[in-house]
Amino acid sequence: MIKKEEIKHIASLARLELSEEEIEKMSDQLSDVISYIEKLKEVDVAGIEPTAQVTGLENSVCEDEVREWNKEELESAVSQAPEREGEEFKVRRVLEEE
């Protein structure tokens, strides 16, 4: 069983504010998950090749292609921006808050 203090610590790392009821619920749920993981550790996987996915799908990758736009195409695209500087889109700065 995971202790309430551990749940509170995990919640603080994830920047979550949990009520006492939620802490109790999470304690039960995480304990169940850990118990299940312990059961999985008992499975004999000797000789089984590690697999990232099982569908057989493969990534489809194509080469990047630079295509020059004529002046009309460029002006049409850039004119749709809310703000611009010359031929570039102007966007707000993204700052990481602490």
C-alpha atoms as a PDB file:
ATOM      1  CA  MET A   1       0.000   0.000   0.000  1.00  0.00           C
ATOM      2  CA  ILE A   2       1.332   3.412  -0.954  1.00  0.00           C
ATOM      3  CA  LYS A   3       1.426   5.858   1.945  1.00  0.00           C
ATOM      4  CA  LYS A   4      -0.406   9.175   1.892  1.00  0.00           C
ATOM      5  CA  GLU A   5       2.908  11.016   2.233  1.00  0.00           C
ATOM      6  CA  GLU A   6       4.129   9.384  -0.987  1.00  0.00           C
ATOM      7  CA  ILE A   7       0.943  10.403  -2.808  1.00  0.00           C
ATOM      8  CA  LYS A   8       1.323  13.971  -1.542  1.00  0.00           C
ATOM      9  CA  HIS A   9       4.956  14.012  -2.715  1.00  0.00           C
ATOM     10  CA  ILE A  10       4.027  12.688  -6.179  1.00  0.00           C
ATOM     11  CA  ALA A  11       1.177  15.209  -6.391  1.00  0.00           C
ATOM     12  CA  SER A  12       3.519  18.075  -5.504  1.00  0.00           C
ATOM     13  CA  LEU A  13       5.989  16.946  -8.182  1.00  0.00           C
ATOM     14  CA  ALA A  14       3.126  16.945 -10.689  1.00  0.00           C
ATOM     15  CA  ARG A  15       1.905  20.289  -9.286  1.00  0.00           C
ATOM     16  CA  LEU A  16      -1.475  18.809  -8.395  1.00  0.00           C
ATOM     17  CA  GLU A  17      -3.592  19.917  -5.490  1.00  0.00           C
ATOM     18  CA  LEU A  18      -5.467  16.903  -4.134  1.00  0.00           C
ATOM     19  CA  SER A  19      -8.133  16.749  -1.448  1.00  0.00           C
ATOM     20  CA  GLU A  20      -7.845  14.157   1.323  1.00  0.00           C
ATOM     21  CA  GLU A  21     -10.505  12.097  -0.457  1.00  0.00           C
ATOM     22  CA  GLU A  22      -8.509  12.211  -3.714  1.00  0.00           C
ATOM     23  CA  ILE A  23      -5.312  11.261  -1.884  1.00  0.00           C
ATOM     24  CA  GLU A  24      -7.042   8.211  -0.415  1.00  0.00           C
ATOM     25  CA  LYS A  25      -8.434   7.238  -3.819  1.00  0.00           C
ATOM     26  CA  MET A  26      -5.051   7.696  -5.534  1.00  0.00           C
ATOM     27  CA  SER A  27      -3.346   5.645  -2.846  1.00  0.00           C
ATOM     28  CA  ASP A  28      -5.679   2.727  -3.545  1.00  0.00           C
ATOM     29  CA  GLN A  29      -5.410   3.078  -7.325  1.00  0.00           C
ATOM     30  CA  LEU A  30      -1.610   3.384  -7.424  1.00  0.00           C
ATOM     31  CA  SER A  31      -1.283   0.441  -5.077  1.00  0.00           C
ATOM     32  CA  ASP A  32      -3.401  -1.629  -7.506  1.00  0.00           C
ATOM     33  CA  VAL A  33      -1.204  -0.542 -10.434  1.00  0.00           C
ATOM     34  CA  ILE A  34       1.992  -1.458  -8.591  1.00  0.00           C
ATOM     35  CA  SER A  35       0.527  -4.848  -7.629  1.00  0.00           C
ATOM     36  CA  TYR A  36      -0.270  -5.506 -11.281  1.00  0.00           C
ATOM     37  CA  ILE A  37       3.258  -4.540 -12.333  1.00  0.00           C
ATOM     38  CA  GLU A  38       4.640  -6.977  -9.752  1.00  0.00           C
ATOM     39  CA  LYS A  39       2.521  -9.751 -11.331  1.00  0.00           C
ATOM     40  CA  LEU A  40       3.904  -8.861 -14.766  1.00  0.00           C
ATOM     41  CA  LYS A  41       7.447  -9.303 -13.430  1.00  0.00           C
ATOM     42  CA  GLU A  42       6.625 -13.000 -12.882  1.00  0.00           C
ATOM     43  CA  VAL A  43       6.029 -13.621 -16.601  1.00  0.00           C
ATOM     44  CA  ASP A  44       8.813 -15.554 -18.336  1.00  0.00           C
ATOM     45  CA  VAL A  45       9.878 -13.435 -21.300  1.00  0.00           C
ATOM     46  CA  ALA A  46      13.102 -15.303 -22.075  1.00  0.00           C
ATOM     47  CA  GLY A  47      13.527 -15.588 -25.815  1.00  0.00           C
ATOM     48  CA  ILE A  48      10.925 -12.949 -26.623  1.00  0.00           C
ATOM     49  CA  GLU A  49      12.244 -10.114 -28.732  1.00  0.00           C
ATOM     50  CA  PRO A  50      11.525  -6.601 -27.372  1.00  0.00           C
ATOM     51  CA  THR A  51       8.844  -4.867 -29.416  1.00  0.00           C
ATOM     52  CA  ALA A  52       7.968  -1.195 -29.719  1.00  0.00           C
ATOM     53  CA  GLN A  53       4.722  -1.866 -31.562  1.00  0.00           C
ATOM     54  CA  VAL A  54       2.979  -4.910 -32.997  1.00  0.00           C
ATOM     55  CA  THR A  55       0.890  -3.681 -35.912  1.00  0.00           C
ATOM     56  CA  GLY A  56       3.613  -3.949 -38.546  1.00  0.00           C
ATOM     57  CA  LEU A  57       3.160  -0.321 -39.538  1.00  0.00           C
ATOM     58  CA  GLU A  58       6.243   1.600 -40.558  1.00  0.00           C
ATOM     59  CA  ASN A  59       6.935   5.297 -40.457  1.00  0.00           C
ATOM     60  CA  SER A  60       6.344   7.003 -43.745  1.00  0.00           C
ATOM     61  CA  VAL A  61       9.043   9.593 -44.275  1.00  0.00           C
ATOM     62  CA  CYS A  62       9.518  11.872 -47.222  1.00  0.00           C
ATOM     63  CA  GLU A  63      12.226  14.341 -48.040  1.00  0.00           C
ATOM     64  CA  ASP A  64      11.674  17.984 -47.152  1.00  0.00           C
ATOM     65  CA  GLU A  65      11.415  20.027 -50.280  1.00  0.00           C
ATOM     66  CA  VAL A  66      12.091  23.741 -50.454  1.00  0.00           C
ATOM     67  CA  ARG A  67       9.669  25.431 -52.783  1.00  0.00           C
ATOM     68  CA  GLU A  68      10.078  29.066 -53.679  1.00  0.00           C
ATOM     69  CA  TRP A  69       6.868  31.076 -53.593  1.00  0.00           C
ATOM     70  CA  ASN A  70       6.190  33.814 -56.057  1.00  0.00           C
ATOM     71  CA  LYS A  71       5.522  37.285 -54.695  1.00  0.00           C
ATOM     72  CA  GLU A  72       1.714  36.956 -54.960  1.00  0.00           C
ATOM     73  CA  GLU A  73       1.622  33.651 -53.022  1.00  0.00           C
ATOM     74  CA  LEU A  74       3.902  35.038 -50.345  1.00  0.00           C
ATOM     75  CA  GLU A  75       1.890  38.233 -49.939  1.00  0.00           C
ATOM     76  CA  SER A  76      -1.385  36.298 -49.822  1.00  0.00           C
ATOM     77  CA  ALA A  77      -0.120  34.010 -47.051  1.00  0.00           C
ATOM     78  CA  VAL A  78       1.567  36.705 -44.970  1.00  0.00           C
ATOM     79  CA  SER A  79      -1.379  39.101 -45.314  1.00  0.00           C
ATOM     80  CA  GLN A  80      -3.537  36.636 -43.336  1.00  0.00           C
ATOM     81  CA  ALA A  81      -1.373  36.948 -40.228  1.00  0.00           C
ATOM     82  CA  PRO A  82      -2.777  39.062 -37.385  1.00  0.00           C
ATOM     83  CA  GLU A  83       0.618  40.779 -37.078  1.00  0.00           C
ATOM     84  CA  ARG A  84       3.678  40.735 -39.267  1.00  0.00           C
ATOM     85  CA  GLU A  85       7.125  42.204 -39.713  1.00  0.00           C
ATOM     86  CA  GLY A  86       8.048  42.399 -43.356  1.00  0.00           C
ATOM     87  CA  GLU A  87       7.576  38.924 -44.809  1.00  0.00           C
ATOM     88  CA  GLU A  88       7.491  37.197 -41.421  1.00  0.00           C
ATOM     89  CA  PHE A  89       4.712  36.356 -38.971  1.00  0.00           C
ATOM     90  CA  LYS A  90       4.980  38.189 -35.669  1.00  0.00           C
ATOM     91  CA  VAL A  91       3.973  36.089 -32.647  1.00  0.00           C
ATOM     92  CA  ARG A  92       3.941  36.618 -28.914  1.00  0.00           C
ATOM     93  CA  ARG A  93       6.967  35.423 -27.010  1.00  0.00           C
ATOM     94  CA  VAL A  94       6.422  32.139 -25.188  1.00  0.00           C
ATOM     95  CA  LEU A  95       7.784  32.275 -21.653  1.00  0.00           C
ATOM     96  CA  GLU A  96       7.974  29.429 -19.235  1.00  0.00           C
ATOM     97  CA  GLU A  97       6.308  30.335 -15.948  1.00  0.00           C
ATOM     98  CA  GLU A  98       7.669  29.020 -12.688  1.00  0.00           C
END
